[in-house]
Amino acid sequence: MNELAPQLFWPCTLGIAMIFVIGLYCVLFTYNLIRALIGLEILIKGVTLLIILAGYITAHEALAQSLVITLIVIEVVVITVAVGVVLGIRKHTGSLDARNIRNLKG
């Protein structure tokens, strides 16, 4: 383990927790679907930073990098599909409000 790791752990963890909470807030407390996707992106970035920090603290940087690259690829696929769904909802309802999804039939 690096001698700077214990000194960097708590400040980095606090910053990562703040990013995670911001993303979670955007996902849970908004009705705009684009804002929810942006919140999901922020949430995943917080998880990515946490994985990198854990790999640095435990001296398993290679494992952390491979997990992060896998997470980024999965994230891109999920967000691409979600944007397609949001655009379809926008086309059918004329709005990006999540409350209008209840009115869809069929």
Foldseek 3Di string as FASTA:
>chain_A
DDPCLVVPPVVLLVVLVVLLVQLVCQLPPAQQLVSNLVSVVSNLVSVLSVLCSVCVNVVNNVVSVVVSVVSVVVSVVVSVVSVVVQVVVCVVQVGRGNVCVVVDDD
